[in-house]
Amino acid sequence: MRKTLALAFAAVAMLAVNDSAQACRYFGAASYNCCPTVACQPTACYTACRVERKTCYRTVYDQVLEPQQYTAYRTEYETVYEDKQQTCYRMVNETVYRDEEYTVQKPVFETSEREERYTVRRPVVETKYRDCSYQVQRPVWENHERECRRTVMRPVVETVEQECRQTVMRPVTETINQERCYTVMKPVTTTRTVHRLQGVWETRQVNKPGKCRPCWSTDACGRPVMTMVQVPGTTSCRQVWRLRKVACQVPCTQYVPEVVRQNCPVQVTRYVPEVVVNKVPVTVCKMVPEVVVSKIPYRTCRWVTETVAQKVPYQTCNWVCEEQVRKVPVQTCKMVSERCTRKVAECVTRKVPFTVTHRVARCVPKQVPVNCTRYVSKCVARQMPYEVCTMVPTTVCPTTACATGNCGLGNPESRETAKPVVPEPQPEPEANPETIPAKPKVSA
């Protein structure tokens, strides 16, 4: 509708350019520029149109995506390795020996001797002595004794009896009656309440939500929209082990102390002082002077000169010619044929079985819960303002007559005419970023 009004006002503005069509600017209401002066003088009231703008509101529906959390299950494959044994064969090379005869020429050595004469010079060693006498001084030690007199104090010990008096405490035992108190633990049995935990099986209902399925519906504007609709879930029962407290009466025995009094005969020992006279032998020591004569040995040394005879041996060598006879061995060799046996190695291949263990990979699927976010579209209504231009008729009555034909309206060039205002096209309303959140990336 806004586009239709804009086109109409644009056409009216284009027609207003020509002076011959000025009456159209007023939609044929009042225009006297093309009339004579006498004819333009109004003699009565006339009706003019003015443009009146009014702000209106219309309801606009925006499509908003609302995030919603749900739990989905994805299948993950886990690699499991299994050991499998397989029998294989490998080729093994073995060395086998066989006997082979061959002929060889073996040398035989014979040894003979021959005489050989030669002259040698043999050394003859003689030992001789020369006189090397020398004098030495030898110490000679002599032992002597001298007398030494000294006075010493010799102790002389005598035993003398001495009278000793002392006071001792003699024990005297008496029997008396004495009251004794002792504590006896007497058992007292009471009952107390104890709370114990006992397990009970209970039946509980578990609600499993249904899956989300796509469904076509219409929004508030009547447009078809595909939304995710959750199907009804299932309810199952299971046994749950629950602990609860149970009050029990437990007997409790306590030992209470009790005082018991008893008269018992008791022997009491007291000590009485008593004087005892004893004769104690006392050893007395006195010093007596005495002359002691002792002989002290001592040594003296003197030097005596002696002559030591010494003969030093030395050797002389003379060379004597002598004829020797020696036997020289002579060796001769001759070849003799001989038959020998040797072992020849041969390579033999054979199969040897062995077991090989292979790890075989196998994929095992499992369901893993994943928290996902989905966006559910919904319509949000809001009020958008817009302007409406309407033509309102107004009655104009002149006060004085006009001689110039302007009819009291002033300069026709400068007078204000009621022109319709073409409203500018309003831009499309942008979605509010606070109401439409950005769509996050959903990780698989």
Foldseek 3Di string as FASTA:
>chain_A
DLVVLLVVQVVLVVQCPDPVRVCVQQPVFDDCPVPDLVVLWDDWWGKGKFKDKDKDKDKDKDKFWDKDKDKDKDKDKDKDKDKDKDKDKDKDKDKDKDKDKDKDKDKDKDKDKDKDKDKDKDKDKDKDKDKDKDKDKDKDKDKDKDKDKDKDWDKDKDKDKDKDKDKDWAKDKDKDKDKDKDKDWDKDKDKDKDKDKDKDKDKDKDWDWADWDWDWDAAPVRDIDIFTDTDGTDIDIDIDIDIDIDIDIDMDMGTDIDMDMDIDIDMDMDIDMDMDMDIDMDMDMDIDMDMDMDMDMDMDMDIDMDMGIDMDMDMDMDIDMDMDMDMDMDMDMDIDMDMDMDMDMDMDMDMDMDMDMDIDIDIDMDMDMDIWMDIGIHIDMDMDMDMDMDMDMDMDTQDDTDPRSPNPQPDPVPGDGRGDDSDDDDDDDDDDCVRHDDDDDTDD
